[in-house]
Each structure stands twice: as structure tokens, then as C-alpha cells.
């Protein structure tokens, strides 16, 4: 049931050619692909009207297209490296008023968090709301886990905001990660962040490397017969077996974005 007049669409970016863990989106957890989990968790949101998988025109990603067809999920094929372009053209094709960005390496994304961030966005006149940036003492936005477990990032923006970013963003980091241009141009966009009350950022539920996949598999193995997984379920597992956290907590936060920042410097951007 729609609780609002405008269309809110979750766009899940997915590709097979991941540099750190190739083919990760279709790797299995409990006999189902990671992408299945991402879609299932997102579908449990009470506020999202539509789900679209935004993949690429690369022939390797035909496997993702086939997954979408098999599971009756809408999809869009666009640029492999210019993810901002892919998101913008996907949102335009499907007439999305508001865009919720979810990444395909977050199989345990909590629908409660999705709805919490969308609710904040709908109740205020923001261009962008997320849980992965916060203001430093200098008043400038910076990347942050915002006390949420890694792999719980949700970003919401208006179509007009993403269109403006699409027209103006130039840096590799701004094109590869969709929203940095919006996040770090406070004079052009009204942004807001949500921070978790308890610091859970040491828990890594994103899948970038083999150790991440192993951790998520171990978590899911211990959560039996749950259609949807929430943070509280993960915490119950870790209370009983705290050593599981050591499987992947050595992997640095925001590794992919840091690689893009190096590309910025290589191209002469500050």
C-alpha cells in the first residue's frame, strides 16, 4: 500500500566484474545468491514501491539479467564504470521520483533501517538523506559508518538532485560512487545523516572479500528459518559467539571509495 503520492524506488547496483571478489553478487549463501538476499531484505521495506536492479551492458552481466528475469525483477543495463550515469538513466527510464540506493554486496541490509531513513527523508525537505556521512568539527561532511554495521548503508535522494549531480559531477569518485557530488556540495544540496545510537561499526556485513563472504555465511547458518534478518538477529549470534567478528574485521572500511580518491589525484583533481 502506498503511503505517499510519489514513487520511491530502490535501485540496487550489481555487476559481476568486481575487482576484489569477482562474481560476488551471485555467490551462494545457504544455497541462494547474495543478490537474492539483497532483494528479499529490501522487499520487506514498508515504504519502497518498486525495486530495480541496475546492472551493466557488459556481457558478463547477462547472468544478472537472467537472474532478474527468473525472479521477475525489473532491471536496467547501463555504464559499467560510470555508476552515477547508470543510476540517473535507470531512474529516468522507470520514472522514479525518489531514489533509494542499495548496493548488491549488502545481503543483510535491514529493512527497518531502510524505512527509518526514508521516513526522515519524507518528513523533511531534504535533497538527500543517508547513514554513511557525518559532519566533522569543521562543519564539513565526511564518510562515516555512523555507528551502523558496515553493509547497512542506505541513501535516499530526489530525482532532481541526482539529475543535477549527473550534469555537474566530474571526478572519478563522483561518477563511480553515485552520491559524493551531492554529499560534499552543501551549497547546492540540503543533506542530512542518521546516526545509530549504539556503535556497531565494528560489525562488517558487507561482502567485498572472501573473508566477508565467510562471515555472512556463518551468521546466516546460525539464524534459522528467518525470512528477513534484522540487526538484532545478528547481535544475538555475536553475543553467543563473539569470536566470529574476527573473521573479517581486519578489512578496512570504505576500501573501494579510497581507491576512487586515488583516481581523482591521478586525473589531477584535489
C-alpha atoms as a PDB file:
ATOM      1  CA  UNK A   1       0.000   0.000   0.000  1.00  0.00           C
ATOM      2  CA  UNK A   2       1.366   3.418  -0.971  1.00  0.00           C
ATOM      3  CA  UNK A   3       1.790   5.812   1.947  1.00  0.00           C
ATOM      4  CA  UNK A   4       2.773   8.730  -0.280  1.00  0.00           C
ATOM      5  CA  UNK A   5       1.972  10.154  -3.704  1.00  0.00           C
ATOM      6  CA  UNK A   6       5.386   9.991  -5.296  1.00  0.00           C
ATOM      7  CA  UNK A   7       7.159   6.822  -6.382  1.00  0.00           C
ATOM      8  CA  UNK A   8      10.016   5.594  -4.197  1.00  0.00           C
ATOM      9  CA  UNK A   9      12.214   3.094  -5.998  1.00  0.00           C
ATOM     10  CA  UNK A  10      15.098   1.087  -4.603  1.00  0.00           C
ATOM     11  CA  UNK A  11      17.798   0.839  -7.246  1.00  0.00           C
ATOM     12  CA  UNK A  12      20.247  -1.955  -6.463  1.00  0.00           C
ATOM     13  CA  UNK A  13      23.533  -1.676  -8.338  1.00  0.00           C
ATOM     14  CA  UNK A  14      25.034  -5.018  -9.347  1.00  0.00           C
ATOM     15  CA  UNK A  15      27.797  -6.307 -11.615  1.00  0.00           C
ATOM     16  CA  UNK A  16      29.825  -9.481 -11.964  1.00  0.00           C
ATOM     17  CA  UNK A  17      33.197  -7.870 -12.635  1.00  0.00           C
ATOM     18  CA  UNK A  18      34.101  -6.862  -9.075  1.00  0.00           C
ATOM     19  CA  UNK A  19      37.860  -6.336  -8.777  1.00  0.00           C
ATOM     20  CA  UNK A  20      38.135  -7.605  -5.199  1.00  0.00           C
ATOM     21  CA  UNK A  21      35.724 -10.555  -5.333  1.00  0.00           C
ATOM     22  CA  UNK A  22      34.645 -11.336  -8.924  1.00  0.00           C
ATOM     23  CA  UNK A  23      31.124 -12.665  -9.358  1.00  0.00           C
ATOM     24  CA  UNK A  24      30.295 -11.986  -5.728  1.00  0.00           C
ATOM     25  CA  UNK A  25      26.666 -10.967  -6.294  1.00  0.00           C
ATOM     26  CA  UNK A  26      25.762 -14.494  -7.422  1.00  0.00           C
ATOM     27  CA  UNK A  27      27.895 -16.360  -4.892  1.00  0.00           C
ATOM     28  CA  UNK A  28      25.788 -18.548  -2.640  1.00  0.00           C
ATOM     29  CA  UNK A  29      24.734 -18.188   0.988  1.00  0.00           C
ATOM     30  CA  UNK A  30      22.632 -21.118   2.194  1.00  0.00           C
ATOM     31  CA  UNK A  31      22.089 -22.159  -1.463  1.00  0.00           C
ATOM     32  CA  UNK A  32      20.813 -18.756  -2.580  1.00  0.00           C
ATOM     33  CA  UNK A  33      22.768 -15.959  -4.358  1.00  0.00           C
ATOM     34  CA  UNK A  34      23.801 -12.866  -2.430  1.00  0.00           C
ATOM     35  CA  UNK A  35      21.625 -10.802  -4.786  1.00  0.00           C
ATOM     36  CA  UNK A  36      18.586 -12.844  -3.757  1.00  0.00           C
ATOM     37  CA  UNK A  37      19.185 -11.851  -0.131  1.00  0.00           C
ATOM     38  CA  UNK A  38      19.597  -8.162  -1.005  1.00  0.00           C
ATOM     39  CA  UNK A  39      16.311  -8.127  -2.931  1.00  0.00           C
ATOM     40  CA  UNK A  40      14.459 -10.122  -0.271  1.00  0.00           C
ATOM     41  CA  UNK A  41      15.619  -7.829   2.531  1.00  0.00           C
ATOM     42  CA  UNK A  42      14.762  -4.714   0.505  1.00  0.00           C
ATOM     43  CA  UNK A  43      11.309  -6.068  -0.387  1.00  0.00           C
ATOM     44  CA  UNK A  44      10.496  -6.158   3.313  1.00  0.00           C
ATOM     45  CA  UNK A  45      10.580  -2.360   3.446  1.00  0.00           C
ATOM     46  CA  UNK A  46       7.117  -0.920   4.041  1.00  0.00           C
ATOM     47  CA  UNK A  47       7.854   2.284   2.121  1.00  0.00           C
ATOM     48  CA  UNK A  48       9.526   1.179  -1.108  1.00  0.00           C
ATOM     49  CA  UNK A  49       7.174   0.993  -4.087  1.00  0.00           C
ATOM     50  CA  UNK A  50       9.486  -0.593  -6.632  1.00  0.00           C
ATOM     51  CA  UNK A  51      12.780  -2.491  -6.864  1.00  0.00           C
ATOM     52  CA  UNK A  52      15.063  -2.253  -9.888  1.00  0.00           C
ATOM     53  CA  UNK A  53      18.448  -3.882 -10.383  1.00  0.00           C
ATOM     54  CA  UNK A  54      20.834  -1.591 -12.249  1.00  0.00           C
ATOM     55  CA  UNK A  55      23.479  -3.700 -13.939  1.00  0.00           C
ATOM     56  CA  UNK A  56      25.753  -3.037 -16.928  1.00  0.00           C
ATOM     57  CA  UNK A  57      25.942  -3.619 -20.668  1.00  0.00           C
ATOM     58  CA  UNK A  58      28.993  -5.854 -20.134  1.00  0.00           C
ATOM     59  CA  UNK A  59      28.248  -9.367 -21.459  1.00  0.00           C
ATOM     60  CA  UNK A  60      29.370 -10.848 -18.117  1.00  0.00           C
ATOM     61  CA  UNK A  61      26.332  -9.223 -16.539  1.00  0.00           C
ATOM     62  CA  UNK A  62      23.910 -11.215 -18.678  1.00  0.00           C
ATOM     63  CA  UNK A  63      23.927 -13.607 -15.708  1.00  0.00           C
ATOM     64  CA  UNK A  64      22.410 -10.832 -13.589  1.00  0.00           C
ATOM     65  CA  UNK A  65      19.836 -10.086 -16.288  1.00  0.00           C
ATOM     66  CA  UNK A  66      18.909 -13.775 -16.322  1.00  0.00           C
ATOM     67  CA  UNK A  67      18.580 -13.714 -12.517  1.00  0.00           C
ATOM     68  CA  UNK A  68      16.201 -10.748 -12.815  1.00  0.00           C
ATOM     69  CA  UNK A  69      14.106 -12.471 -15.467  1.00  0.00           C
ATOM     70  CA  UNK A  70      13.928 -15.670 -13.441  1.00  0.00           C
ATOM     71  CA  UNK A  71      12.756 -13.800 -10.335  1.00  0.00           C
ATOM     72  CA  UNK A  72      10.544 -11.281 -12.158  1.00  0.00           C
ATOM     73  CA  UNK A  73      12.605  -8.264 -11.078  1.00  0.00           C
ATOM     74  CA  UNK A  74      12.847  -5.087 -13.136  1.00  0.00           C
ATOM     75  CA  UNK A  75      16.321  -4.319 -14.430  1.00  0.00           C
ATOM     76  CA  UNK A  76      18.345  -1.741 -16.332  1.00  0.00           C
ATOM     77  CA  UNK A  77      21.646  -2.150 -18.185  1.00  0.00           C
ATOM     78  CA  UNK A  78      23.952   0.871 -18.269  1.00  0.00           C
ATOM     79  CA  UNK A  79      27.524   2.063 -17.898  1.00  0.00           C
ATOM     80  CA  UNK A  80      29.885  -0.271 -16.056  1.00  0.00           C
ATOM     81  CA  UNK A  81      32.182   2.359 -14.513  1.00  0.00           C
ATOM     82  CA  UNK A  82      30.029   5.496 -14.532  1.00  0.00           C
ATOM     83  CA  UNK A  83      27.576   4.330 -11.876  1.00  0.00           C
ATOM     84  CA  UNK A  84      26.071   7.811 -11.475  1.00  0.00           C
ATOM     85  CA  UNK A  85      25.133   7.728 -15.156  1.00  0.00           C
ATOM     86  CA  UNK A  86      23.673   4.241 -14.693  1.00  0.00           C
ATOM     87  CA  UNK A  87      21.559   5.351 -11.731  1.00  0.00           C
ATOM     88  CA  UNK A  88      20.339   8.535 -13.383  1.00  0.00           C
ATOM     89  CA  UNK A  89      19.300   6.825 -16.629  1.00  0.00           C
ATOM     90  CA  UNK A  90      17.697   3.954 -14.710  1.00  0.00           C
ATOM     91  CA  UNK A  91      15.686   6.376 -12.539  1.00  0.00           C
ATOM     92  CA  UNK A  92      14.643   8.339 -15.622  1.00  0.00           C
ATOM     93  CA  UNK A  93      13.537   5.233 -17.533  1.00  0.00           C
ATOM     94  CA  UNK A  94      11.382   3.980 -14.665  1.00  0.00           C
ATOM     95  CA  UNK A  95      10.003   7.436 -13.701  1.00  0.00           C
ATOM     96  CA  UNK A  96      11.369   7.348 -10.156  1.00  0.00           C
ATOM     97  CA  UNK A  97      10.554  10.409  -8.048  1.00  0.00           C
ATOM     98  CA  UNK A  98      12.762   9.346  -5.151  1.00  0.00           C
ATOM     99  CA  UNK A  99      15.740   7.005  -5.426  1.00  0.00           C
ATOM    100  CA  UNK A 100      16.910   4.670  -2.670  1.00  0.00           C
ATOM    101  CA  UNK A 101      20.425   3.425  -3.366  1.00  0.00           C
ATOM    102  CA  UNK A 102      21.232  -0.078  -2.154  1.00  0.00           C
ATOM    103  CA  UNK A 103      24.385  -1.960  -3.148  1.00  0.00           C
ATOM    104  CA  UNK A 104      24.372  -5.634  -4.100  1.00  0.00           C
ATOM    105  CA  UNK A 105      27.116  -6.537  -1.629  1.00  0.00           C
ATOM    106  CA  UNK A 106      24.846  -5.990   1.397  1.00  0.00           C
ATOM    107  CA  UNK A 107      22.903  -9.262   1.816  1.00  0.00           C
ATOM    108  CA  UNK A 108      21.799  -8.425   5.378  1.00  0.00           C
ATOM    109  CA  UNK A 109      20.589  -4.868   4.749  1.00  0.00           C
ATOM    110  CA  UNK A 110      17.983  -4.258   7.457  1.00  0.00           C
ATOM    111  CA  UNK A 111      14.578  -3.099   6.121  1.00  0.00           C
ATOM    112  CA  UNK A 112      13.982  -1.270   9.419  1.00  0.00           C
ATOM    113  CA  UNK A 113      16.944   0.973   8.576  1.00  0.00           C
ATOM    114  CA  UNK A 114      15.690   1.476   5.022  1.00  0.00           C
ATOM    115  CA  UNK A 115      12.324   2.676   6.333  1.00  0.00           C
ATOM    116  CA  UNK A 116      13.885   4.812   9.051  1.00  0.00           C
ATOM    117  CA  UNK A 117      15.932   6.766   6.519  1.00  0.00           C
ATOM    118  CA  UNK A 118      13.078   7.061   4.012  1.00  0.00           C
ATOM    119  CA  UNK A 119      10.782   8.333   6.781  1.00  0.00           C
ATOM    120  CA  UNK A 120      13.259  11.052   7.733  1.00  0.00           C
ATOM    121  CA  UNK A 121      13.576  11.986   4.072  1.00  0.00           C
ATOM    122  CA  UNK A 122       9.798  12.184   3.508  1.00  0.00           C
ATOM    123  CA  UNK A 123       9.126  14.280   6.613  1.00  0.00           C
ATOM    124  CA  UNK A 124      11.600  16.980   5.625  1.00  0.00           C
ATOM    125  CA  UNK A 125      12.561  18.941   2.537  1.00  0.00           C
ATOM    126  CA  UNK A 126      15.940  17.276   2.082  1.00  0.00           C
ATOM    127  CA  UNK A 127      17.591  16.559  -1.248  1.00  0.00           C
ATOM    128  CA  UNK A 128      19.498  13.647   0.254  1.00  0.00           C
ATOM    129  CA  UNK A 129      19.444  11.580   3.457  1.00  0.00           C
ATOM    130  CA  UNK A 130      21.808   8.741   4.351  1.00  0.00           C
ATOM    131  CA  UNK A 131      23.584   6.936   7.169  1.00  0.00           C
ATOM    132  CA  UNK A 132      27.123   6.996   5.740  1.00  0.00           C
ATOM    133  CA  UNK A 133      28.251  10.600   6.225  1.00  0.00           C
ATOM    134  CA  UNK A 134      28.605  12.918   9.194  1.00  0.00           C
ATOM    135  CA  UNK A 135      29.873  16.428   9.813  1.00  0.00           C
ATOM    136  CA  UNK A 136      33.292  16.903  11.328  1.00  0.00           C
ATOM    137  CA  UNK A 137      34.153  19.657  13.791  1.00  0.00           C
ATOM    138  CA  UNK A 138      34.932  21.879  10.810  1.00  0.00           C
ATOM    139  CA  UNK A 139      31.318  21.514   9.630  1.00  0.00           C
ATOM    140  CA  UNK A 140      32.330  19.588   6.506  1.00  0.00           C
ATOM    141  CA  UNK A 141      30.696  16.274   5.621  1.00  0.00           C
ATOM    142  CA  UNK A 142      32.938  13.203   5.644  1.00  0.00           C
ATOM    143  CA  UNK A 143      32.444   9.489   5.063  1.00  0.00           C
ATOM    144  CA  UNK A 144      31.406   7.538   8.145  1.00  0.00           C
ATOM    145  CA  UNK A 145      29.786   4.295   9.254  1.00  0.00           C
ATOM    146  CA  UNK A 146      27.613   6.464  11.530  1.00  0.00           C
ATOM    147  CA  UNK A 147      27.731   3.669  14.134  1.00  0.00           C
ATOM    148  CA  UNK A 148      25.823   1.245  11.895  1.00  0.00           C
ATOM    149  CA  UNK A 149      27.269  -2.147  10.981  1.00  0.00           C
ATOM    150  CA  UNK A 150      29.136  -1.949   7.683  1.00  0.00           C
ATOM    151  CA  UNK A 151      26.847  -3.209   4.939  1.00  0.00           C
ATOM    152  CA  UNK A 152      23.811  -1.275   6.221  1.00  0.00           C
ATOM    153  CA  UNK A 153      24.238   1.840   4.097  1.00  0.00           C
ATOM    154  CA  UNK A 154      21.041   3.389   2.721  1.00  0.00           C
ATOM    155  CA  UNK A 155      20.938   6.580   0.658  1.00  0.00           C
ATOM    156  CA  UNK A 156      17.816   8.426  -0.496  1.00  0.00           C
ATOM    157  CA  UNK A 157      17.612  11.388  -2.862  1.00  0.00           C
ATOM    158  CA  UNK A 158      15.243  13.250  -5.149  1.00  0.00           C
ATOM    159  CA  UNK A 159      15.321  12.731  -8.898  1.00  0.00           C
ATOM    160  CA  UNK A 160      16.140  16.422  -9.382  1.00  0.00           C
ATOM    161  CA  UNK A 161      19.194  16.077  -7.108  1.00  0.00           C
ATOM    162  CA  UNK A 162      20.607  13.083  -8.968  1.00  0.00           C
ATOM    163  CA  UNK A 163      19.934  14.825 -12.275  1.00  0.00           C
ATOM    164  CA  UNK A 164      21.894  17.879 -11.141  1.00  0.00           C
ATOM    165  CA  UNK A 165      24.761  15.667  -9.958  1.00  0.00           C
ATOM    166  CA  UNK A 166      24.707  13.774 -13.269  1.00  0.00           C
ATOM    167  CA  UNK A 167      25.133  17.032 -15.159  1.00  0.00           C
ATOM    168  CA  UNK A 168      27.854  18.527 -12.952  1.00  0.00           C
ATOM    169  CA  UNK A 169      29.935  15.707 -11.396  1.00  0.00           C
ATOM    170  CA  UNK A 170      33.364  15.246 -12.999  1.00  0.00           C
ATOM    171  CA  UNK A 171      35.696  13.362 -10.626  1.00  0.00           C
ATOM    172  CA  UNK A 172      36.055   9.563 -10.864  1.00  0.00           C
ATOM    173  CA  UNK A 173      34.962   9.278  -7.213  1.00  0.00           C
ATOM    174  CA  UNK A 174      31.801  11.250  -8.007  1.00  0.00           C
ATOM    175  CA  UNK A 175      30.884   9.090 -11.015  1.00  0.00           C
ATOM    176  CA  UNK A 176      31.804   5.675  -9.558  1.00  0.00           C
ATOM    177  CA  UNK A 177      30.013   6.111  -6.215  1.00  0.00           C
ATOM    178  CA  UNK A 178      26.858   7.997  -7.281  1.00  0.00           C
ATOM    179  CA  UNK A 179      26.372  10.453  -4.430  1.00  0.00           C
ATOM    180  CA  UNK A 180      29.691  12.105  -3.409  1.00  0.00           C
ATOM    181  CA  UNK A 181      28.903  15.183  -5.507  1.00  0.00           C
ATOM    182  CA  UNK A 182      25.636  15.611  -3.596  1.00  0.00           C
ATOM    183  CA  UNK A 183      27.191  14.784  -0.225  1.00  0.00           C
ATOM    184  CA  UNK A 184      30.064  17.239  -0.473  1.00  0.00           C
ATOM    185  CA  UNK A 185      28.383  20.240  -2.102  1.00  0.00           C
ATOM    186  CA  UNK A 186      26.306  21.624   0.798  1.00  0.00           C
ATOM    187  CA  UNK A 187      25.651  24.917  -1.022  1.00  0.00           C
ATOM    188  CA  UNK A 188      23.825  23.047  -3.787  1.00  0.00           C
ATOM    189  CA  UNK A 189      22.048  20.310  -1.824  1.00  0.00           C
ATOM    190  CA  UNK A 190      20.336  20.005   1.533  1.00  0.00           C
ATOM    191  CA  UNK A 191      21.702  16.797   3.071  1.00  0.00           C
ATOM    192  CA  UNK A 192      21.110  15.022   6.364  1.00  0.00           C
ATOM    193  CA  UNK A 193      22.569  11.965   8.061  1.00  0.00           C
ATOM    194  CA  UNK A 194      21.168   9.492  10.568  1.00  0.00           C
ATOM    195  CA  UNK A 195      23.459   8.051  13.216  1.00  0.00           C
ATOM    196  CA  UNK A 196      22.845   4.838  15.126  1.00  0.00           C
ATOM    197  CA  UNK A 197      22.528   5.245  18.892  1.00  0.00           C
ATOM    198  CA  UNK A 198      24.915   2.361  19.676  1.00  0.00           C
ATOM    199  CA  UNK A 199      28.255   1.980  17.916  1.00  0.00           C
ATOM    200  CA  UNK A 200      28.093  -1.239  15.884  1.00  0.00           C
ATOM    201  CA  UNK A 201      30.546  -0.198  13.174  1.00  0.00           C
ATOM    202  CA  UNK A 202      32.958  -2.991  14.135  1.00  0.00           C
ATOM    203  CA  UNK A 203      30.485  -5.491  12.628  1.00  0.00           C
ATOM    204  CA  UNK A 204      31.156  -5.975   8.929  1.00  0.00           C
ATOM    205  CA  UNK A 205      28.171  -7.338   6.967  1.00  0.00           C
ATOM    206  CA  UNK A 206      29.217  -6.119   3.534  1.00  0.00           C
ATOM    207  CA  UNK A 207      30.794  -8.597   1.097  1.00  0.00           C
ATOM    208  CA  UNK A 208      33.928  -7.261  -0.589  1.00  0.00           C
ATOM    209  CA  UNK A 209      36.333 -10.117   0.027  1.00  0.00           C
ATOM    210  CA  UNK A 210      36.319 -13.866   0.717  1.00  0.00           C
ATOM    211  CA  UNK A 211      36.519 -13.334   4.487  1.00  0.00           C
ATOM    212  CA  UNK A 212      33.400 -11.165   4.299  1.00  0.00           C
ATOM    213  CA  UNK A 213      31.548 -13.922   2.487  1.00  0.00           C
ATOM    214  CA  UNK A 214      32.674 -16.429   5.086  1.00  0.00           C
ATOM    215  CA  UNK A 215      31.436 -14.183   7.928  1.00  0.00           C
ATOM    216  CA  UNK A 216      27.994 -13.656   6.390  1.00  0.00           C
ATOM    217  CA  UNK A 217      27.665 -17.377   5.687  1.00  0.00           C
ATOM    218  CA  UNK A 218      28.453 -18.148   9.327  1.00  0.00           C
ATOM    219  CA  UNK A 219      25.870 -15.611  10.520  1.00  0.00           C
ATOM    220  CA  UNK A 220      23.131 -16.910   8.216  1.00  0.00           C
ATOM    221  CA  UNK A 221      23.914 -20.501   9.162  1.00  0.00           C
ATOM    222  CA  UNK A 222      23.059 -19.623  12.763  1.00  0.00           C
ATOM    223  CA  UNK A 223      19.871 -17.678  12.019  1.00  0.00           C
ATOM    224  CA  UNK A 224      17.410 -20.438  11.268  1.00  0.00           C
ATOM    225  CA  UNK A 225      14.081 -20.132   9.485  1.00  0.00           C
ATOM    226  CA  UNK A 226      14.106 -16.331   9.359  1.00  0.00           C
ATOM    227  CA  UNK A 227      12.501 -14.866   6.254  1.00  0.00           C
ATOM    228  CA  UNK A 228      14.041 -11.462   6.990  1.00  0.00           C
ATOM    229  CA  UNK A 229      17.188 -10.746   9.015  1.00  0.00           C
ATOM    230  CA  UNK A 230      17.489  -7.713  11.284  1.00  0.00           C
ATOM    231  CA  UNK A 231      20.441  -6.260  13.166  1.00  0.00           C
ATOM    232  CA  UNK A 232      19.066  -7.672  16.413  1.00  0.00           C
ATOM    233  CA  UNK A 233      19.342 -11.189  14.942  1.00  0.00           C
ATOM    234  CA  UNK A 234      22.993 -10.625  14.051  1.00  0.00           C
ATOM    235  CA  UNK A 235      23.691  -9.288  17.542  1.00  0.00           C
ATOM    236  CA  UNK A 236      22.147 -12.382  19.157  1.00  0.00           C
ATOM    237  CA  UNK A 237      24.513 -14.602  17.157  1.00  0.00           C
ATOM    238  CA  UNK A 238      27.545 -12.494  18.082  1.00  0.00           C
ATOM    239  CA  UNK A 239      26.590 -12.442  21.765  1.00  0.00           C
ATOM    240  CA  UNK A 240      26.856 -16.235  21.783  1.00  0.00           C
ATOM    241  CA  UNK A 241      29.944 -16.416  19.537  1.00  0.00           C
ATOM    242  CA  UNK A 242      31.826 -13.100  19.712  1.00  0.00           C
ATOM    243  CA  UNK A 243      34.903 -14.585  18.011  1.00  0.00           C
ATOM    244  CA  UNK A 244      33.038 -14.684  14.692  1.00  0.00           C
ATOM    245  CA  UNK A 245      33.721 -10.953  14.402  1.00  0.00           C
ATOM    246  CA  UNK A 246      37.410 -11.737  13.910  1.00  0.00           C
ATOM    247  CA  UNK A 247      36.755 -13.427  10.573  1.00  0.00           C
ATOM    248  CA  UNK A 248      36.647 -10.148   8.649  1.00  0.00           C
ATOM    249  CA  UNK A 249      37.114  -7.169  10.979  1.00  0.00           C
ATOM    250  CA  UNK A 250      40.664  -6.666   9.650  1.00  0.00           C
ATOM    251  CA  UNK A 251      39.335  -5.424   6.302  1.00  0.00           C
ATOM    252  CA  UNK A 252      39.448  -1.594   6.115  1.00  0.00           C
ATOM    253  CA  UNK A 253      36.271   0.469   5.939  1.00  0.00           C
ATOM    254  CA  UNK A 254      35.446   2.194   2.637  1.00  0.00           C
ATOM    255  CA  UNK A 255      38.213   0.481   0.681  1.00  0.00           C
ATOM    256  CA  UNK A 256      36.512   0.990  -2.702  1.00  0.00           C
ATOM    257  CA  UNK A 257      35.941   4.703  -2.205  1.00  0.00           C
ATOM    258  CA  UNK A 258      39.571   5.220  -1.207  1.00  0.00           C
ATOM    259  CA  UNK A 259      40.649   3.606  -4.483  1.00  0.00           C
ATOM    260  CA  UNK A 260      38.444   6.101  -6.352  1.00  0.00           C
ATOM    261  CA  UNK A 261      40.017   9.023  -4.473  1.00  0.00           C
ATOM    262  CA  UNK A 262      43.421   7.870  -5.713  1.00  0.00           C
ATOM    263  CA  UNK A 263      41.998   8.001  -9.248  1.00  0.00           C
ATOM    264  CA  UNK A 264      40.914  11.599  -8.570  1.00  0.00           C
ATOM    265  CA  UNK A 265      44.513  12.542  -7.792  1.00  0.00           C
ATOM    266  CA  UNK A 266      45.771  10.676 -10.845  1.00  0.00           C
ATOM    267  CA  UNK A 267      43.417  12.754 -13.001  1.00  0.00           C
ATOM    268  CA  UNK A 268      44.561  15.994 -11.386  1.00  0.00           C
ATOM    269  CA  UNK A 269      41.610  16.596  -9.043  1.00  0.00           C
ATOM    270  CA  UNK A 270      42.167  17.775  -5.481  1.00  0.00           C
END
